[in-house]
Amino acid sequence: QLQLVESGGGLVQPGGSLNLSCAASGFTLDYYAIGWYRQAPGKEREGISCISSSGRSTHYADPVKGRFTISRDNAKKTVSLQMNSLKPEDTAVYYCAADKVPYIITQGMCVMTSPIAWGQGTPVTVSS
């Protein structure tokens, strides 16, 4: 069974950090690009960061560039999103998705055109 499970979300003060993890099971992560998406209340889901299957290519949307870092460990079947200098506007549910087709960039956002799996999401709240 193909599955992605996100973890690491929570409540953090502005300026704080969180490290989100996306754990894959039921498939070989090595062959898949991974995207991190987020959806804030009342807003559409947006692809904020993505990484190629090899890890050699990454992309960050402007709102998170310079603050977030995506990385992957194919041996451990996990993809991480290190989030630093968090802002209240980063508050959202964060999801990961896996796609065997390379991601594309549309209007600065990552787009997975045919994801095979989505996680259930992990909520992040940035508030004092």
Foldseek 3Di string as FASTA:
>chain_A
DWAWAKDWADEAAAQAKIKIKIAIPDDQLLLKKKWKWWDDPPGDIFTAKIAHSNRPDMAGAPVQPPFWDWGDDRVRRMIMIIGGRDDQVVWTWMKMFIASDDWDADPRTTDRPDTPYMHPTDTHGHHD
